[in-house]
Protein backbone atom coordinates (compact mmCIF):
# COMPACT_ATOMS: atom_id res chain seq x y z
CA MET A 1 -10.75 -36.48 39.22
CA ILE A 2 -10.49 -39.21 41.96
CA LYS A 3 -14.35 -39.86 41.51
CA ARG A 4 -13.88 -40.18 37.73
CA VAL A 5 -11.02 -42.66 38.19
CA GLY A 6 -13.17 -44.70 40.72
CA ILE A 7 -15.92 -44.78 38.19
CA VAL A 8 -13.51 -45.92 35.36
CA ILE A 9 -12.14 -48.65 37.60
CA ALA A 10 -15.60 -49.79 38.63
CA THR A 11 -16.74 -49.90 35.01
CA LEU A 12 -13.58 -51.98 34.06
CA VAL A 13 -14.09 -54.38 36.95
CA LEU A 14 -17.72 -54.94 35.98
CA SER A 15 -16.73 -55.34 32.32
CA ALA A 16 -14.23 -58.00 33.33
CA CYS A 17 -16.87 -59.81 35.32
CA ALA A 18 -19.21 -59.74 32.32
CA THR A 19 -16.61 -61.03 30.00
CA GLY A 20 -14.91 -63.58 32.40
CA GLY A 21 -11.84 -61.44 32.81
CA ASP A 22 -10.34 -62.58 29.57
CA GLY A 23 -12.15 -60.10 27.29
CA VAL A 24 -14.42 -62.73 25.70
CA ASN A 25 -18.03 -62.07 26.20
CA LYS A 26 -19.65 -64.86 28.16
CA THR A 27 -23.12 -63.76 28.37
CA GLN A 28 -25.20 -66.84 28.85
CA VAL A 29 -28.74 -67.08 27.48
CA CYS A 30 -30.96 -69.32 29.75
CA ALA A 31 -33.41 -71.66 28.10
CA PRO A 32 -36.95 -71.01 29.57
CA ILE A 33 -38.39 -73.96 31.60
CA ASP A 34 -40.71 -74.30 34.55
CA GLU A 35 -41.56 -76.95 37.04
CA HIS A 36 -44.40 -78.38 34.79
CA GLN A 37 -41.97 -78.71 31.85
CA VAL A 38 -39.26 -80.41 34.04
CA ALA A 39 -41.89 -82.84 35.14
CA ALA A 40 -42.75 -83.48 31.47
CA LEU A 41 -39.11 -84.57 30.97
CA PHE A 42 -39.65 -87.49 33.31
CA GLU A 43 -42.81 -88.32 31.27
CA ARG A 44 -40.72 -88.17 28.05
CA TRP A 45 -38.10 -90.58 29.45
CA ASN A 46 -41.17 -92.86 30.79
CA GLN A 47 -42.80 -92.78 27.29
CA ALA A 48 -39.40 -93.95 25.88
CA LEU A 49 -39.49 -96.90 28.21
CA GLN A 50 -42.84 -97.93 26.69
CA THR A 51 -41.29 -98.08 23.31
CA GLY A 52 -39.44 -101.17 24.49
CA ASN A 53 -36.43 -99.79 22.48
CA PRO A 54 -33.15 -99.36 24.54
CA GLN A 55 -31.75 -96.82 22.02
CA THR A 56 -34.86 -94.60 22.30
CA VAL A 57 -34.41 -94.51 26.05
CA ALA A 58 -30.73 -93.92 25.81
CA ASP A 59 -31.39 -90.88 23.40
CA ASN A 60 -32.74 -88.97 26.37
CA TYR A 61 -29.12 -88.82 27.85
CA ALA A 62 -26.47 -86.38 26.97
CA GLU A 63 -23.32 -87.77 25.32
CA HIS A 64 -21.40 -86.62 28.53
CA SER A 65 -23.65 -88.26 31.24
CA ILE A 66 -23.89 -91.05 33.78
CA LEU A 67 -26.67 -93.51 34.75
CA LEU A 68 -26.49 -95.02 38.20
CA PRO A 69 -29.26 -97.51 37.73
CA THR A 70 -31.71 -99.05 40.23
CA LEU A 71 -31.17 -102.69 39.15
CA SER A 72 -27.56 -102.82 38.38
CA ASP A 73 -24.24 -102.39 40.20
CA VAL A 74 -22.53 -101.08 37.06
CA ASN A 75 -22.25 -97.33 36.44
CA ARG A 76 -23.27 -96.56 32.88
CA VAL A 77 -21.35 -93.81 31.04
CA SER A 78 -21.25 -94.49 27.39
CA LYS A 79 -24.52 -94.73 25.27
CA ALA A 80 -23.71 -98.43 24.74
CA ASP A 81 -23.54 -98.89 28.49
CA LYS A 82 -26.94 -97.26 28.92
CA GLU A 83 -28.51 -99.28 26.02
CA ASP A 84 -27.16 -102.48 27.47
CA TYR A 85 -28.80 -101.70 30.95
CA PHE A 86 -32.11 -100.81 29.23
CA VAL A 87 -32.16 -104.07 27.18
CA HIS A 88 -32.43 -105.92 30.57
CA PHE A 89 -34.58 -103.33 32.32
CA LEU A 90 -37.03 -103.04 29.50
CA ALA A 91 -37.49 -106.86 29.41
CA SER A 92 -39.61 -106.39 32.66
CA GLN A 93 -41.88 -103.92 30.76
CA PRO A 94 -41.59 -101.06 33.46
CA VAL A 95 -43.99 -98.33 33.75
CA GLY A 96 -42.83 -95.60 36.09
CA ARG A 97 -44.93 -93.29 38.28
CA VAL A 98 -43.60 -90.30 40.41
CA THR A 99 -44.98 -90.29 43.87
CA SER A 100 -43.15 -87.30 45.22
CA ARG A 101 -40.65 -84.88 43.83
CA LEU A 102 -38.64 -81.72 44.32
CA ILE A 103 -37.59 -79.72 41.29
CA ASP A 104 -34.91 -77.11 41.15
CA ILE A 105 -34.25 -74.87 38.03
CA GLY A 106 -31.17 -73.05 37.30
CA CYS A 107 -29.82 -71.42 34.06
CA ASN A 108 -29.89 -74.24 31.45
CA THR A 109 -30.01 -76.82 34.26
CA ALA A 110 -32.75 -78.59 36.15
CA THR A 111 -32.95 -81.23 38.71
CA ASP A 112 -35.86 -83.46 39.52
CA SER A 113 -35.50 -85.73 42.62
CA GLY A 114 -37.88 -87.77 44.60
CA MET A 115 -39.46 -91.07 44.76
CA TYR A 116 -40.91 -93.21 41.90
CA VAL A 117 -42.55 -96.64 41.63
CA PHE A 118 -42.20 -98.85 38.65
CA THR A 119 -44.84 -101.49 37.92
CA MET A 120 -43.26 -104.30 35.92
CA GLY A 121 -45.81 -105.32 33.36
CA ALA A 122 -44.16 -108.67 32.92
CA THR A 123 -44.71 -109.77 36.51
CA GLY A 124 -46.88 -107.15 38.23
CA GLN A 125 -44.18 -106.45 40.77
CA GLU A 126 -43.85 -102.94 42.09
CA VAL A 127 -40.39 -101.53 42.57
CA GLN A 128 -40.06 -98.35 44.70
CA ALA A 129 -36.97 -96.25 44.34
CA ARG A 130 -35.44 -92.87 45.02
CA TYR A 131 -34.27 -90.93 42.07
CA THR A 132 -32.53 -87.84 40.76
CA PHE A 133 -32.50 -86.66 37.16
CA ALA A 134 -30.16 -83.74 36.39
CA TYR A 135 -30.83 -82.11 33.02
CA LYS A 136 -29.01 -79.66 30.82
CA TRP A 137 -29.99 -77.69 27.84
CA ILE A 138 -27.63 -78.89 25.14
CA ASP A 139 -27.93 -78.02 21.44
CA GLY A 140 -31.52 -76.86 21.74
CA GLN A 141 -32.84 -79.80 23.86
CA TRP A 142 -33.06 -80.91 27.53
CA LEU A 143 -30.95 -83.95 27.98
CA ILE A 144 -30.23 -86.10 31.11
CA THR A 145 -26.63 -85.56 32.39
CA ASN A 146 -27.04 -87.43 35.67
CA HIS A 147 -29.62 -90.18 36.51
CA HIS A 148 -29.31 -91.72 39.94
CA SER A 149 -31.77 -94.35 40.95
CA SER A 150 -31.69 -96.50 44.09
CA LEU A 151 -33.98 -99.01 45.73
CA LEU A 152 -35.60 -97.95 49.00
CA PRO A 153 -33.68 -99.41 51.90
CA VAL A 154 -35.48 -102.02 53.85
CA VAL A 155 -36.43 -100.56 57.26
CA GLN A 156 -36.89 -102.97 60.16
């Protein structure tokens, strides 16, 4: 009898864990993605830069997201904020290239962090920066939820 009670209690505890303890099933389905596909998300964003259209670039970002840009001291939260940044950034005709990266994949999330270089087509200048893109699977697509980019510090 004690063994059966223990089994019943264990079953109830495991059931509570699977439902979040409130009786609502919270089974999460994870969207499949691999490192190559995460790297392709950067290329999708970079291709959006090539359109020269700030709205096309901003469409890569989730509604609830933040852009901490390389060439601005303003945190960009709204879509309008992001579009405003890209109006100015795109004027330089940037083309990005990743030089090193580390990708981490979770359930419906992925991060891509490393170093990239932008060649500014308008001037030929190269800008090296560190970056992190955090992605989330939202409504059937991978969107940027956090994009942090910063110039490399000058080391003397």
